[in-house]
Amino acid sequence: MGNRLYVGNISFQASEDDLKELFSKAGTVVSTKLITDAATGRPRGFGFVEMSSDEEAQKAIEMLNNSSFMDRNIVVNEAKPQGERERGRGGPSRERGGFRERRPGGRR
């Protein structure tokens, strides 16, 4: 298991300091990161917490998964490396009716 955790269903009013305070009940928090929408800057309702050890990360999952935090039941589990994530709401580009072939050098 890793010491980096995914945290979902976070209240839009929560701050990184709020997350740090919550997860510090399970051990030493190395870092917190709330994910925001690139275009609007608004919170997306999920983030990541890095604990100082695998044991503390496991303890945080056991203590906090499906617990109430700022009137929402949060989801806490081990963060997956980016390459292993399932694709979410993505799909074919709507631009020009679907996927477009990429040319070498990143140009379309």
N, C-alpha and C. Protein backbone atom coordinates (compact mmCIF):
# COMPACT_ATOMS: atom_id res chain seq x y z
N MET A 1 0.84 -1.18 0.00
CA MET A 1 0.00 0.00 0.00
C MET A 1 0.88 1.25 0.00
N GLY A 2 0.40 2.33 -0.57
CA GLY A 2 1.12 3.59 -0.57
C GLY A 2 0.64 4.50 0.54
N ASN A 3 1.31 5.61 0.71
CA ASN A 3 0.91 6.55 1.76
C ASN A 3 0.15 7.74 1.18
N ARG A 4 -0.18 7.70 -0.11
CA ARG A 4 -0.95 8.77 -0.75
C ARG A 4 -2.40 8.32 -0.87
N LEU A 5 -3.31 9.16 -0.38
CA LEU A 5 -4.73 8.81 -0.32
C LEU A 5 -5.56 9.70 -1.23
N TYR A 6 -6.57 9.10 -1.84
CA TYR A 6 -7.58 9.82 -2.58
C TYR A 6 -8.71 10.12 -1.61
N VAL A 7 -9.24 11.34 -1.64
CA VAL A 7 -10.36 11.71 -0.79
C VAL A 7 -11.44 12.29 -1.69
N GLY A 8 -12.61 11.66 -1.70
CA GLY A 8 -13.70 12.10 -2.56
C GLY A 8 -14.90 12.56 -1.76
N ASN A 9 -15.81 13.22 -2.47
CA ASN A 9 -17.06 13.76 -1.91
C ASN A 9 -16.78 14.81 -0.83
N ILE A 10 -15.77 15.64 -1.08
CA ILE A 10 -15.39 16.69 -0.13
C ILE A 10 -16.30 17.90 -0.34
N SER A 11 -16.71 18.49 0.76
CA SER A 11 -17.51 19.72 0.71
C SER A 11 -16.75 20.81 -0.05
N PHE A 12 -17.47 21.57 -0.83
CA PHE A 12 -16.85 22.66 -1.60
C PHE A 12 -16.36 23.78 -0.69
N GLN A 13 -16.80 23.79 0.57
CA GLN A 13 -16.35 24.81 1.52
C GLN A 13 -15.07 24.39 2.26
N ALA A 14 -14.63 23.16 2.10
CA ALA A 14 -13.45 22.66 2.81
C ALA A 14 -12.18 23.28 2.24
N SER A 15 -11.21 23.47 3.12
CA SER A 15 -9.90 23.97 2.71
C SER A 15 -8.85 22.87 2.91
N GLU A 16 -7.67 23.09 2.38
CA GLU A 16 -6.59 22.12 2.59
C GLU A 16 -6.24 22.03 4.07
N ASP A 17 -6.34 23.14 4.79
CA ASP A 17 -6.09 23.12 6.23
C ASP A 17 -7.13 22.28 6.97
N ASP A 18 -8.40 22.34 6.51
CA ASP A 18 -9.45 21.50 7.11
C ASP A 18 -9.12 20.02 6.92
N LEU A 19 -8.67 19.66 5.72
CA LEU A 19 -8.28 18.27 5.46
C LEU A 19 -7.11 17.85 6.34
N LYS A 20 -6.14 18.72 6.45
CA LYS A 20 -4.96 18.41 7.26
C LYS A 20 -5.37 18.17 8.71
N GLU A 21 -6.23 19.01 9.21
CA GLU A 21 -6.69 18.85 10.60
C GLU A 21 -7.42 17.53 10.78
N LEU A 22 -8.28 17.17 9.84
CA LEU A 22 -9.03 15.92 9.93
C LEU A 22 -8.10 14.71 9.88
N PHE A 23 -7.20 14.67 8.92
CA PHE A 23 -6.34 13.51 8.73
C PHE A 23 -5.24 13.41 9.78
N SER A 24 -4.95 14.50 10.48
CA SER A 24 -3.92 14.45 11.52
C SER A 24 -4.37 13.58 12.70
N LYS A 25 -5.66 13.26 12.77
CA LYS A 25 -6.15 12.35 13.81
C LYS A 25 -5.60 10.94 13.60
N ALA A 26 -5.21 10.64 12.35
CA ALA A 26 -4.70 9.30 12.03
C ALA A 26 -3.17 9.25 12.01
N GLY A 27 -2.52 10.41 12.06
CA GLY A 27 -1.06 10.44 12.02
C GLY A 27 -0.54 11.73 11.43
N THR A 28 0.71 11.71 11.00
CA THR A 28 1.36 12.90 10.47
C THR A 28 1.00 13.09 9.00
N VAL A 29 0.46 14.26 8.71
CA VAL A 29 0.09 14.61 7.33
C VAL A 29 1.27 15.32 6.68
N VAL A 30 1.74 14.77 5.56
CA VAL A 30 2.86 15.36 4.83
C VAL A 30 2.37 16.48 3.92
N SER A 31 1.25 16.23 3.21
CA SER A 31 0.71 17.25 2.31
C SER A 31 -0.76 17.00 2.04
N THR A 32 -1.45 18.06 1.63
CA THR A 32 -2.84 17.97 1.19
C THR A 32 -2.98 18.74 -0.12
N LYS A 33 -3.87 18.29 -0.96
CA LYS A 33 -4.10 18.97 -2.24
C LYS A 33 -5.56 18.82 -2.63
N LEU A 34 -6.28 19.94 -2.68
CA LEU A 34 -7.64 19.95 -3.19
C LEU A 34 -7.58 20.26 -4.68
N ILE A 35 -8.30 19.51 -5.48
CA ILE A 35 -8.29 19.69 -6.93
C ILE A 35 -9.34 20.71 -7.33
N THR A 36 -8.95 21.65 -8.17
CA THR A 36 -9.86 22.69 -8.64
C THR A 36 -9.99 22.61 -10.16
N ASP A 37 -11.09 23.12 -10.67
CA ASP A 37 -11.31 23.17 -12.10
C ASP A 37 -10.35 24.18 -12.71
N ALA A 38 -9.67 23.78 -13.76
CA ALA A 38 -8.66 24.66 -14.38
C ALA A 38 -9.28 25.92 -14.97
N ALA A 39 -10.48 25.81 -15.50
CA ALA A 39 -11.11 26.96 -16.16
C ALA A 39 -11.73 27.94 -15.16
N THR A 40 -12.38 27.41 -14.12
CA THR A 40 -13.12 28.29 -13.21
C THR A 40 -12.43 28.50 -11.87
N GLY A 41 -11.51 27.61 -11.50
CA GLY A 41 -10.86 27.70 -10.20
C GLY A 41 -11.72 27.18 -9.06
N ARG A 42 -12.91 26.67 -9.37
CA ARG A 42 -13.79 26.15 -8.34
C ARG A 42 -13.36 24.74 -7.92
N PRO A 43 -13.62 24.39 -6.66
CA PRO A 43 -13.27 23.05 -6.19
C PRO A 43 -14.05 21.98 -6.97
N ARG A 44 -13.42 20.84 -7.17
CA ARG A 44 -14.07 19.74 -7.88
C ARG A 44 -14.60 18.67 -6.93
N GLY A 45 -14.39 18.85 -5.62
CA GLY A 45 -14.97 17.92 -4.65
C GLY A 45 -14.11 16.72 -4.32
N PHE A 46 -12.85 16.75 -4.74
CA PHE A 46 -11.94 15.66 -4.36
C PHE A 46 -10.53 16.20 -4.21
N GLY A 47 -9.69 15.38 -3.62
CA GLY A 47 -8.31 15.80 -3.41
C GLY A 47 -7.45 14.64 -2.97
N PHE A 48 -6.25 14.96 -2.51
CA PHE A 48 -5.28 13.95 -2.11
C PHE A 48 -4.63 14.35 -0.81
N VAL A 49 -4.34 13.35 0.01
CA VAL A 49 -3.65 13.56 1.28
C VAL A 49 -2.49 12.58 1.30
N GLU A 50 -1.32 13.07 1.65
CA GLU A 50 -0.16 12.19 1.80
C GLU A 50 0.18 12.07 3.27
N MET A 51 0.19 10.84 3.76
CA MET A 51 0.54 10.57 5.15
C MET A 51 2.03 10.21 5.22
N SER A 52 2.60 10.24 6.42
CA SER A 52 4.04 10.01 6.54
C SER A 52 4.43 8.55 6.42
N SER A 53 3.48 7.62 6.57
CA SER A 53 3.80 6.20 6.43
C SER A 53 2.61 5.43 5.89
N ASP A 54 2.90 4.24 5.39
CA ASP A 54 1.83 3.36 4.90
C ASP A 54 0.87 2.99 6.04
N GLU A 55 1.42 2.77 7.22
CA GLU A 55 0.58 2.39 8.37
C GLU A 55 -0.40 3.51 8.73
N GLU A 56 0.08 4.74 8.70
CA GLU A 56 -0.80 5.87 9.01
C GLU A 56 -1.85 6.05 7.91
N ALA A 57 -1.47 5.81 6.68
CA ALA A 57 -2.43 5.90 5.58
C ALA A 57 -3.52 4.85 5.76
N GLN A 58 -3.15 3.63 6.11
CA GLN A 58 -4.14 2.57 6.35
C GLN A 58 -5.05 2.94 7.52
N LYS A 59 -4.47 3.50 8.56
CA LYS A 59 -5.26 3.92 9.72
C LYS A 59 -6.26 5.01 9.32
N ALA A 60 -5.83 5.95 8.47
CA ALA A 60 -6.72 7.01 8.01
C ALA A 60 -7.89 6.44 7.21
N ILE A 61 -7.61 5.46 6.36
CA ILE A 61 -8.69 4.83 5.59
C ILE A 61 -9.69 4.19 6.54
N GLU A 62 -9.19 3.42 7.50
CA GLU A 62 -10.07 2.74 8.44
C GLU A 62 -10.88 3.71 9.28
N MET A 63 -10.26 4.81 9.70
CA MET A 63 -10.94 5.79 10.56
C MET A 63 -11.91 6.68 9.79
N LEU A 64 -11.52 7.08 8.56
CA LEU A 64 -12.24 8.18 7.92
C LEU A 64 -13.09 7.81 6.71
N ASN A 65 -12.86 6.66 6.10
CA ASN A 65 -13.67 6.31 4.94
C ASN A 65 -15.14 6.23 5.34
N ASN A 66 -15.98 6.88 4.58
CA ASN A 66 -17.43 6.94 4.80
C ASN A 66 -17.81 7.65 6.09
N SER A 67 -16.92 8.51 6.60
CA SER A 67 -17.25 9.29 7.79
C SER A 67 -17.78 10.66 7.36
N SER A 68 -18.47 11.31 8.27
CA SER A 68 -19.05 12.62 7.99
C SER A 68 -18.00 13.71 8.19
N PHE A 69 -17.85 14.53 7.17
CA PHE A 69 -16.91 15.66 7.22
C PHE A 69 -17.60 16.84 6.55
N MET A 70 -17.88 17.86 7.31
CA MET A 70 -18.56 19.06 6.82
C MET A 70 -19.87 18.68 6.12
N ASP A 71 -20.66 17.85 6.81
CA ASP A 71 -21.99 17.42 6.36
C ASP A 71 -22.00 16.55 5.10
N ARG A 72 -20.86 15.93 4.77
CA ARG A 72 -20.81 14.99 3.64
C ARG A 72 -20.05 13.74 4.07
N ASN A 73 -20.46 12.59 3.56
CA ASN A 73 -19.74 11.35 3.83
C ASN A 73 -18.61 11.23 2.82
N ILE A 74 -17.39 11.37 3.30
CA ILE A 74 -16.24 11.35 2.40
C ILE A 74 -15.82 9.91 2.08
N VAL A 75 -15.17 9.77 0.94
CA VAL A 75 -14.60 8.50 0.50
C VAL A 75 -13.09 8.63 0.65
N VAL A 76 -12.48 7.67 1.30
CA VAL A 76 -11.03 7.69 1.48
C VAL A 76 -10.49 6.33 1.07
N ASN A 77 -9.58 6.31 0.10
CA ASN A 77 -8.91 5.08 -0.27
C ASN A 77 -7.54 5.38 -0.85
N GLU A 78 -6.79 4.33 -1.12
CA GLU A 78 -5.45 4.50 -1.64
C GLU A 78 -5.51 5.15 -3.02
N ALA A 79 -4.68 6.16 -3.22
CA ALA A 79 -4.62 6.82 -4.53
C ALA A 79 -3.91 5.90 -5.51
N LYS A 80 -4.45 5.83 -6.71
CA LYS A 80 -3.83 5.01 -7.75
C LYS A 80 -2.91 5.88 -8.58
N PRO A 81 -1.81 5.32 -9.06
CA PRO A 81 -0.95 6.09 -9.98
C PRO A 81 -1.76 6.50 -11.20
N GLN A 82 -1.41 7.63 -11.79
CA GLN A 82 -2.19 8.15 -12.90
C GLN A 82 -2.39 7.16 -14.03
N GLY A 83 -1.41 6.35 -14.33
CA GLY A 83 -1.53 5.39 -15.41
C GLY A 83 -2.54 4.29 -15.16
N GLU A 84 -2.89 4.03 -13.89
CA GLU A 84 -3.81 2.95 -13.55
C GLU A 84 -5.25 3.40 -13.40
N ARG A 85 -5.50 4.69 -13.41
CA ARG A 85 -6.86 5.17 -13.20
C ARG A 85 -7.76 4.78 -14.36
N GLU A 86 -9.02 4.56 -14.03
CA GLU A 86 -10.01 4.33 -15.08
C GLU A 86 -10.36 5.69 -15.66
N ARG A 87 -10.64 5.69 -16.94
CA ARG A 87 -11.03 6.94 -17.58
C ARG A 87 -12.42 7.32 -17.10
N GLY A 88 -12.57 8.57 -16.78
CA GLY A 88 -13.84 9.06 -16.27
C GLY A 88 -14.78 9.49 -17.37
N ARG A 89 -15.23 10.69 -17.27
CA ARG A 89 -16.25 11.21 -18.18
C ARG A 89 -15.70 11.57 -19.54
N GLY A 90 -14.45 11.29 -19.76
CA GLY A 90 -13.85 11.64 -21.04
C GLY A 90 -14.50 10.89 -22.17
N GLY A 91 -14.04 11.10 -23.32
CA GLY A 91 -14.59 10.42 -24.47
C GLY A 91 -14.10 11.12 -25.72
N PRO A 92 -14.71 10.79 -26.83
CA PRO A 92 -14.29 11.42 -28.07
C PRO A 92 -14.49 12.94 -28.01
N SER A 93 -13.61 13.63 -28.65
CA SER A 93 -13.73 15.07 -28.73
C SER A 93 -14.98 15.40 -29.53
N ARG A 94 -15.71 16.38 -29.09
CA ARG A 94 -16.90 16.77 -29.84
C ARG A 94 -16.52 17.67 -31.00
N GLU A 95 -15.29 18.09 -30.95
CA GLU A 95 -14.78 18.94 -32.01
C GLU A 95 -14.69 18.13 -33.30
N ARG A 96 -15.34 18.56 -34.32
CA ARG A 96 -15.32 17.93 -35.65
C ARG A 96 -15.73 16.46 -35.62
N GLY A 97 -16.65 16.11 -34.73
CA GLY A 97 -17.28 14.81 -34.78
C GLY A 97 -16.49 13.60 -34.34
N GLY A 98 -15.67 13.68 -33.35
CA GLY A 98 -15.05 12.48 -32.81
C GLY A 98 -13.55 12.63 -32.63
N PHE A 99 -12.90 11.49 -32.58
CA PHE A 99 -11.46 11.49 -32.38
C PHE A 99 -10.76 12.07 -33.60
N ARG A 100 -9.67 12.73 -33.32
CA ARG A 100 -8.86 13.26 -34.41
C ARG A 100 -7.48 12.67 -34.31
N GLU A 101 -6.93 12.34 -35.43
CA GLU A 101 -5.60 11.75 -35.44
C GLU A 101 -4.55 12.80 -35.11
N ARG A 102 -3.64 12.44 -34.26
CA ARG A 102 -2.54 13.35 -33.92
C ARG A 102 -1.36 13.07 -34.82
N ARG A 103 -0.75 14.12 -35.26
CA ARG A 103 0.44 14.00 -36.09
C ARG A 103 1.68 14.05 -35.21
N PRO A 104 2.79 13.52 -35.68
CA PRO A 104 4.02 13.61 -34.89
C PRO A 104 4.32 15.06 -34.52
N GLY A 105 4.85 15.24 -33.34
CA GLY A 105 5.16 16.59 -32.86
C GLY A 105 4.01 17.23 -32.14
N GLY A 106 2.91 16.49 -31.93
CA GLY A 106 1.79 17.02 -31.18
C GLY A 106 0.82 17.87 -31.98
N ARG A 107 1.06 18.05 -33.27
CA ARG A 107 0.13 18.85 -34.08
C ARG A 107 -0.98 17.97 -34.60
N ARG A 108 -2.10 18.60 -34.85
CA ARG A 108 -3.25 17.85 -35.40
C ARG A 108 -3.35 18.05 -36.87
